[in-house]
Amino acid sequence: MWQVVFITANKRQAEKMKNILTDEGFLVKIEPMGSKENDGYQLLVPEGEALEVAEFLNQGYDFI
């Protein structure tokens, strides 16, 4: 099962975050939240990695 760990404002930011998380060894997928580019994107990870990903994100990286 996949769990949302972050919501971004646009696809560029979602792709940047996905690349950083993937480089750290996490399995990540992104899904649009609506039909338009500016509707936002969800970053999802396997449920078993969600806590570890949340801790990594809380380290203060600048994803914008």
C-alpha atoms as a PDB file:
ATOM      1  CA  MET A   1       0.000   0.000   0.000  1.00  0.00           C
ATOM      2  CA  TRP A   2       1.208   3.522  -0.845  1.00  0.00           C
ATOM      3  CA  GLN A   3       1.062   6.490   1.520  1.00  0.00           C
ATOM      4  CA  VAL A   4       1.157  10.196   0.728  1.00  0.00           C
ATOM      5  CA  VAL A   5       4.139  11.848   2.418  1.00  0.00           C
ATOM      6  CA  PHE A   6       4.076  15.267   0.777  1.00  0.00           C
ATOM      7  CA  ILE A   7       1.980  17.443  -1.525  1.00  0.00           C
ATOM      8  CA  THR A   8       3.662  19.839  -3.935  1.00  0.00           C
ATOM      9  CA  ALA A   9       2.328  22.872  -5.759  1.00  0.00           C
ATOM     10  CA  ASN A  10       3.557  21.851  -9.206  1.00  0.00           C
ATOM     11  CA  LYS A  11       5.081  19.045 -11.250  1.00  0.00           C
ATOM     12  CA  ARG A  12       8.575  20.581 -11.320  1.00  0.00           C
ATOM     13  CA  GLN A  13       8.784  20.543  -7.526  1.00  0.00           C
ATOM     14  CA  ALA A  14       7.349  17.011  -7.375  1.00  0.00           C
ATOM     15  CA  GLU A  15       9.947  15.715  -9.848  1.00  0.00           C
ATOM     16  CA  LYS A  16      12.768  17.421  -7.947  1.00  0.00           C
ATOM     17  CA  MET A  17      11.647  15.878  -4.650  1.00  0.00           C
ATOM     18  CA  LYS A  18      11.190  12.473  -6.274  1.00  0.00           C
ATOM     19  CA  ASN A  19      14.742  12.576  -7.670  1.00  0.00           C
ATOM     20  CA  ILE A  20      16.231  13.518  -4.297  1.00  0.00           C
ATOM     21  CA  LEU A  21      14.299  10.795  -2.479  1.00  0.00           C
ATOM     22  CA  THR A  22      15.127   8.216  -5.142  1.00  0.00           C
ATOM     23  CA  ASP A  23      18.824   9.134  -4.874  1.00  0.00           C
ATOM     24  CA  GLU A  24      18.519   8.388  -1.136  1.00  0.00           C
ATOM     25  CA  GLY A  25      17.195   4.915  -1.955  1.00  0.00           C
ATOM     26  CA  PHE A  26      13.469   5.444  -1.467  1.00  0.00           C
ATOM     27  CA  LEU A  27      10.828   4.121  -3.842  1.00  0.00           C
ATOM     28  CA  VAL A  28       8.664   7.109  -4.837  1.00  0.00           C
ATOM     29  CA  LYS A  29       5.850   7.797  -7.232  1.00  0.00           C
ATOM     30  CA  ILE A  30       4.013  11.010  -7.973  1.00  0.00           C
ATOM     31  CA  GLU A  31       0.363  11.449  -8.857  1.00  0.00           C
ATOM     32  CA  PRO A  32      -1.503  14.552  -9.984  1.00  0.00           C
ATOM     33  CA  MET A  33      -4.221  15.775  -7.645  1.00  0.00           C
ATOM     34  CA  GLY A  34      -6.360  17.201 -10.431  1.00  0.00           C
ATOM     35  CA  SER A  35      -6.555  17.700 -14.152  1.00  0.00           C
ATOM     36  CA  LYS A  36      -4.392  20.845 -14.328  1.00  0.00           C
ATOM     37  CA  GLU A  37      -0.648  21.348 -13.769  1.00  0.00           C
ATOM     38  CA  ASN A  38      -1.278  23.765 -10.879  1.00  0.00           C
ATOM     39  CA  ASP A  39      -3.693  21.441  -9.037  1.00  0.00           C
ATOM     40  CA  GLY A  40      -0.758  19.944  -7.135  1.00  0.00           C
ATOM     41  CA  TYR A  41       0.955  16.572  -6.944  1.00  0.00           C
ATOM     42  CA  GLN A  42       1.167  13.919  -4.267  1.00  0.00           C
ATOM     43  CA  LEU A  43       4.412  12.132  -3.448  1.00  0.00           C
ATOM     44  CA  LEU A  44       3.719   8.578  -2.402  1.00  0.00           C
ATOM     45  CA  VAL A  45       5.993   5.970  -0.869  1.00  0.00           C
ATOM     46  CA  PRO A  46       5.415   2.397   0.308  1.00  0.00           C
ATOM     47  CA  GLU A  47       3.690   2.454   3.678  1.00  0.00           C
ATOM     48  CA  GLY A  48       6.645   0.748   5.370  1.00  0.00           C
ATOM     49  CA  GLU A  49       8.997   3.581   4.329  1.00  0.00           C
ATOM     50  CA  ALA A  50       6.680   6.483   5.147  1.00  0.00           C
ATOM     51  CA  LEU A  51       8.086   7.247   8.605  1.00  0.00           C
ATOM     52  CA  GLU A  52      11.682   7.122   7.391  1.00  0.00           C
ATOM     53  CA  VAL A  53      10.848   9.387   4.431  1.00  0.00           C
ATOM     54  CA  ALA A  54       9.033  11.839   6.720  1.00  0.00           C
ATOM     55  CA  GLU A  55      12.098  11.985   8.983  1.00  0.00           C
ATOM     56  CA  PHE A  56      14.317  12.601   5.948  1.00  0.00           C
ATOM     57  CA  LEU A  57      12.035  15.393   4.721  1.00  0.00           C
ATOM     58  CA  ASN A  58      12.045  17.001   8.155  1.00  0.00           C
ATOM     59  CA  GLN A  59      15.810  17.500   7.916  1.00  0.00           C
ATOM     60  CA  GLY A  60      15.079  20.809   6.190  1.00  0.00           C
ATOM     61  CA  TYR A  61      15.944  20.261   2.544  1.00  0.00           C
ATOM     62  CA  ASP A  62      14.948  22.970   0.098  1.00  0.00           C
ATOM     63  CA  PHE A  63      12.914  21.302  -2.641  1.00  0.00           C
ATOM     64  CA  ILE A  64      11.652  24.440  -4.341  1.00  0.00           C
END
